[in-house]
Amino acid sequence: MTTVQEKSMKIQNNDNAKIHLRPHHILCLSLFEGKGYNEKFTENIQKILDNFQNIQIVSSADDICKSCPNNVHGECSLGEEDVRLKDRNACASLKIQPGDISVDSINLKLSMLSKMDFEKCCRTCRWYKAKVCRFENIKQL
């Protein structure tokens, strides 16, 4: 039986396209453990991580949102205002803004993130509330 991780490793971004990423999804990716809403969603995140280069920070639905079952016409059915608040908090905490960003810069910003700022960004997230995501588990991308 093939695991989700093995399947997703076969997916390649051969054209080296830019990855569009909401600010708060930087934190999600740094804590990803192969869990998600469904297999399609999990495979998409793994594909993004496997090809993590040429990043552009965006202020709307991104490449992670594309396969999220809560994405309805580019907005989060769980609460678009909450998603936008997470993005604003992530921008302030990571000191980023929409536009191109390097992986090295993302990793530097993650290494400088405080636990208080992490909790400010993530406290309303269902994965944080379920104790799936913890500041201590942040890893480099």
C-alpha atoms as a PDB file:
ATOM      1  CA  MET A   1       0.000   0.000   0.000  1.00  0.00           C
ATOM      2  CA  THR A   2       1.375   3.416  -0.976  1.00  0.00           C
ATOM      3  CA  THR A   3       1.304   6.116   1.689  1.00  0.00           C
ATOM      4  CA  VAL A   4       0.100   9.654   1.057  1.00  0.00           C
ATOM      5  CA  GLN A   5       3.667  10.868   1.463  1.00  0.00           C
ATOM      6  CA  GLU A   6       5.012   8.374  -1.096  1.00  0.00           C
ATOM      7  CA  LYS A   7       2.305   9.325  -3.581  1.00  0.00           C
ATOM      8  CA  SER A   8       2.870  13.037  -3.166  1.00  0.00           C
ATOM      9  CA  MET A   9       6.612  12.675  -3.602  1.00  0.00           C
ATOM     10  CA  LYS A  10       5.923  11.584  -7.185  1.00  0.00           C
ATOM     11  CA  ILE A  11       4.236  14.897  -7.954  1.00  0.00           C
ATOM     12  CA  GLN A  12       6.753  17.341  -9.381  1.00  0.00           C
ATOM     13  CA  ASN A  13       6.574  20.990 -10.286  1.00  0.00           C
ATOM     14  CA  ASN A  14       8.629  20.707 -13.464  1.00  0.00           C
ATOM     15  CA  ASP A  15       8.073  24.252 -14.658  1.00  0.00           C
ATOM     16  CA  ASN A  16       9.433  25.750 -11.394  1.00  0.00           C
ATOM     17  CA  ALA A  17       6.323  27.919 -11.130  1.00  0.00           C
ATOM     18  CA  LYS A  18       5.934  30.487  -8.396  1.00  0.00           C
ATOM     19  CA  ILE A  19       4.189  29.213  -5.262  1.00  0.00           C
ATOM     20  CA  HIS A  20       1.524  31.647  -4.061  1.00  0.00           C
ATOM     21  CA  LEU A  21       1.281  31.609  -0.284  1.00  0.00           C
ATOM     22  CA  ARG A  22      -0.877  33.402   2.268  1.00  0.00           C
ATOM     23  CA  PRO A  23       1.226  34.798   5.132  1.00  0.00           C
ATOM     24  CA  HIS A  24      -0.214  32.533   7.825  1.00  0.00           C
ATOM     25  CA  HIS A  25       0.385  29.457   5.666  1.00  0.00           C
ATOM     26  CA  ILE A  26       4.119  29.889   6.282  1.00  0.00           C
ATOM     27  CA  LEU A  27       3.406  28.761   9.843  1.00  0.00           C
ATOM     28  CA  CYS A  28       1.153  25.936   8.654  1.00  0.00           C
ATOM     29  CA  LEU A  29       3.850  24.620   6.320  1.00  0.00           C
ATOM     30  CA  SER A  30       6.529  24.823   9.011  1.00  0.00           C
ATOM     31  CA  LEU A  31       4.384  22.561  11.213  1.00  0.00           C
ATOM     32  CA  PHE A  32       3.001  20.188   8.576  1.00  0.00           C
ATOM     33  CA  GLU A  33       3.013  16.526   9.638  1.00  0.00           C
ATOM     34  CA  GLY A  34       1.131  14.848   6.791  1.00  0.00           C
ATOM     35  CA  LYS A  35      -2.294  15.454   8.309  1.00  0.00           C
ATOM     36  CA  GLY A  36      -5.062  17.436   6.721  1.00  0.00           C
ATOM     37  CA  TYR A  37      -8.656  17.626   5.697  1.00  0.00           C
ATOM     38  CA  ASN A  38      -8.381  14.858   3.114  1.00  0.00           C
ATOM     39  CA  GLU A  39      -5.866  13.063   0.889  1.00  0.00           C
ATOM     40  CA  LYS A  40      -6.073  15.621  -1.935  1.00  0.00           C
ATOM     41  CA  PHE A  41      -5.354  18.460   0.496  1.00  0.00           C
ATOM     42  CA  THR A  42      -2.457  16.612   2.145  1.00  0.00           C
ATOM     43  CA  GLU A  43      -0.909  15.678  -1.215  1.00  0.00           C
ATOM     44  CA  ASN A  44      -1.086  19.305  -2.348  1.00  0.00           C
ATOM     45  CA  ILE A  45       0.731  20.544   0.754  1.00  0.00           C
ATOM     46  CA  GLN A  46       3.421  17.907   0.323  1.00  0.00           C
ATOM     47  CA  LYS A  47       3.830  18.918  -3.324  1.00  0.00           C
ATOM     48  CA  ILE A  48       4.305  22.537  -2.247  1.00  0.00           C
ATOM     49  CA  LEU A  49       6.900  21.528   0.347  1.00  0.00           C
ATOM     50  CA  ASP A  50       8.721  19.289  -2.129  1.00  0.00           C
ATOM     51  CA  ASN A  51       9.058  22.247  -4.501  1.00  0.00           C
ATOM     52  CA  PHE A  52       9.444  25.053  -1.964  1.00  0.00           C
ATOM     53  CA  GLN A  53      11.156  27.794  -3.970  1.00  0.00           C
ATOM     54  CA  ASN A  54      10.062  30.886  -5.895  1.00  0.00           C
ATOM     55  CA  ILE A  55       7.602  32.015  -3.223  1.00  0.00           C
ATOM     56  CA  GLN A  56       5.226  34.930  -3.571  1.00  0.00           C
ATOM     57  CA  ILE A  57       3.260  36.107  -0.541  1.00  0.00           C
ATOM     58  CA  VAL A  58      -0.333  36.939  -1.508  1.00  0.00           C
ATOM     59  CA  SER A  59      -3.269  38.447   0.355  1.00  0.00           C
ATOM     60  CA  SER A  60      -5.966  36.123  -0.957  1.00  0.00           C
ATOM     61  CA  ALA A  61      -6.601  32.419  -1.593  1.00  0.00           C
ATOM     62  CA  ASP A  62      -3.319  30.701  -2.442  1.00  0.00           C
ATOM     63  CA  ASP A  63      -1.933  27.391  -3.700  1.00  0.00           C
ATOM     64  CA  ILE A  64      -2.785  25.679  -0.400  1.00  0.00           C
ATOM     65  CA  CYS A  65      -6.360  26.961  -0.556  1.00  0.00           C
ATOM     66  CA  LYS A  66      -6.800  25.451  -4.053  1.00  0.00           C
ATOM     67  CA  SER A  67      -7.322  21.970  -2.630  1.00  0.00           C
ATOM     68  CA  CYS A  68      -8.958  22.920   0.677  1.00  0.00           C
ATOM     69  CA  PRO A  69     -12.521  21.639   1.050  1.00  0.00           C
ATOM     70  CA  ASN A  70     -13.394  24.881   2.863  1.00  0.00           C
ATOM     71  CA  ASN A  71     -12.482  27.016  -0.159  1.00  0.00           C
ATOM     72  CA  VAL A  72     -15.683  28.307  -1.724  1.00  0.00           C
ATOM     73  CA  HIS A  73     -15.050  30.578  -4.707  1.00  0.00           C
ATOM     74  CA  GLY A  74     -11.751  31.779  -3.230  1.00  0.00           C
ATOM     75  CA  GLU A  75     -13.022  32.407   0.291  1.00  0.00           C
ATOM     76  CA  CYS A  76     -12.871  30.309   3.440  1.00  0.00           C
ATOM     77  CA  SER A  77     -16.263  28.940   4.416  1.00  0.00           C
ATOM     78  CA  LEU A  78     -15.035  28.685   8.033  1.00  0.00           C
ATOM     79  CA  GLY A  79     -14.665  32.448   8.221  1.00  0.00           C
ATOM     80  CA  GLU A  80     -12.874  34.705   5.770  1.00  0.00           C
ATOM     81  CA  GLU A  81     -12.382  37.460   8.345  1.00  0.00           C
ATOM     82  CA  ASP A  82     -10.605  35.019  10.671  1.00  0.00           C
ATOM     83  CA  VAL A  83      -8.292  33.986   7.818  1.00  0.00           C
ATOM     84  CA  ARG A  84      -7.534  37.624   7.030  1.00  0.00           C
ATOM     85  CA  LEU A  85      -6.791  38.282  10.719  1.00  0.00           C
ATOM     86  CA  LYS A  86      -4.352  35.347  10.763  1.00  0.00           C
ATOM     87  CA  ASP A  87      -2.682  36.808   7.659  1.00  0.00           C
ATOM     88  CA  ARG A  88      -2.387  40.284   9.216  1.00  0.00           C
ATOM     89  CA  ASN A  89      -0.955  38.813  12.415  1.00  0.00           C
ATOM     90  CA  ALA A  90       1.504  36.653  10.446  1.00  0.00           C
ATOM     91  CA  CYS A  91       2.641  39.662   8.395  1.00  0.00           C
ATOM     92  CA  ALA A  92       3.275  41.663  11.563  1.00  0.00           C
ATOM     93  CA  SER A  93       4.921  38.806  13.474  1.00  0.00           C
ATOM     94  CA  LEU A  94       7.121  37.591  10.622  1.00  0.00           C
ATOM     95  CA  LYS A  95       7.731  41.110   9.311  1.00  0.00           C
ATOM     96  CA  ILE A  96       6.673  40.254   5.768  1.00  0.00           C
ATOM     97  CA  GLN A  97       4.402  41.781   3.176  1.00  0.00           C
ATOM     98  CA  PRO A  98       2.864  40.589  -0.090  1.00  0.00           C
ATOM     99  CA  GLY A  99       5.445  40.026  -2.823  1.00  0.00           C
ATOM    100  CA  ASP A 100       8.341  37.718  -3.605  1.00  0.00           C
ATOM    101  CA  ILE A 101      10.339  36.219  -0.740  1.00  0.00           C
ATOM    102  CA  SER A 102      13.205  33.751  -0.587  1.00  0.00           C
ATOM    103  CA  VAL A 103      13.140  30.479   1.310  1.00  0.00           C
ATOM    104  CA  ASP A 104      16.207  31.647   3.269  1.00  0.00           C
ATOM    105  CA  SER A 105      14.358  34.791   4.314  1.00  0.00           C
ATOM    106  CA  ILE A 106      11.315  32.763   5.388  1.00  0.00           C
ATOM    107  CA  ASN A 107      13.512  30.463   7.473  1.00  0.00           C
ATOM    108  CA  LEU A 108      15.268  33.420   9.100  1.00  0.00           C
ATOM    109  CA  LYS A 109      11.929  34.992   9.978  1.00  0.00           C
ATOM    110  CA  LEU A 110      10.642  31.686  11.401  1.00  0.00           C
ATOM    111  CA  SER A 111      13.764  31.391  13.569  1.00  0.00           C
ATOM    112  CA  MET A 112      13.103  34.872  15.002  1.00  0.00           C
ATOM    113  CA  LEU A 113       9.401  34.276  15.729  1.00  0.00           C
ATOM    114  CA  SER A 114       8.463  34.480  19.411  1.00  0.00           C
ATOM    115  CA  LYS A 115       6.054  32.101  21.084  1.00  0.00           C
ATOM    116  CA  MET A 116       3.780  35.040  21.905  1.00  0.00           C
ATOM    117  CA  ASP A 117       3.652  36.091  18.237  1.00  0.00           C
ATOM    118  CA  PHE A 118       3.041  32.483  17.155  1.00  0.00           C
ATOM    119  CA  GLU A 119       0.092  32.205  19.528  1.00  0.00           C
ATOM    120  CA  LYS A 120      -1.282  35.545  18.351  1.00  0.00           C
ATOM    121  CA  CYS A 121      -1.222  34.258  14.767  1.00  0.00           C
ATOM    122  CA  CYS A 122      -2.594  30.800  15.447  1.00  0.00           C
ATOM    123  CA  ARG A 123      -4.852  30.959  18.497  1.00  0.00           C
ATOM    124  CA  THR A 124      -8.089  30.884  16.481  1.00  0.00           C
ATOM    125  CA  CYS A 125      -6.999  27.990  14.255  1.00  0.00           C
ATOM    126  CA  ARG A 126      -8.750  24.645  14.676  1.00  0.00           C
ATOM    127  CA  TRP A 127      -5.437  22.753  14.336  1.00  0.00           C
ATOM    128  CA  TYR A 128      -3.869  24.871  17.103  1.00  0.00           C
ATOM    129  CA  LYS A 129      -6.909  24.355  19.329  1.00  0.00           C
ATOM    130  CA  ALA A 130      -6.664  20.590  18.706  1.00  0.00           C
ATOM    131  CA  LYS A 131      -2.997  20.775  19.830  1.00  0.00           C
ATOM    132  CA  VAL A 132      -1.734  19.552  16.463  1.00  0.00           C
ATOM    133  CA  CYS A 133       0.418  22.676  16.051  1.00  0.00           C
ATOM    134  CA  ARG A 134       2.850  23.880  18.705  1.00  0.00           C
ATOM    135  CA  PHE A 135       5.470  26.613  18.656  1.00  0.00           C
ATOM    136  CA  GLU A 136       8.126  24.159  19.794  1.00  0.00           C
ATOM    137  CA  ASN A 137       7.594  22.076  16.627  1.00  0.00           C
ATOM    138  CA  ILE A 138       8.286  24.807  14.063  1.00  0.00           C
ATOM    139  CA  LYS A 139      10.862  23.603  11.561  1.00  0.00           C
ATOM    140  CA  GLN A 140      12.799  25.176   8.711  1.00  0.00           C
ATOM    141  CA  LEU A 141      11.245  24.971   5.254  1.00  0.00           C
END
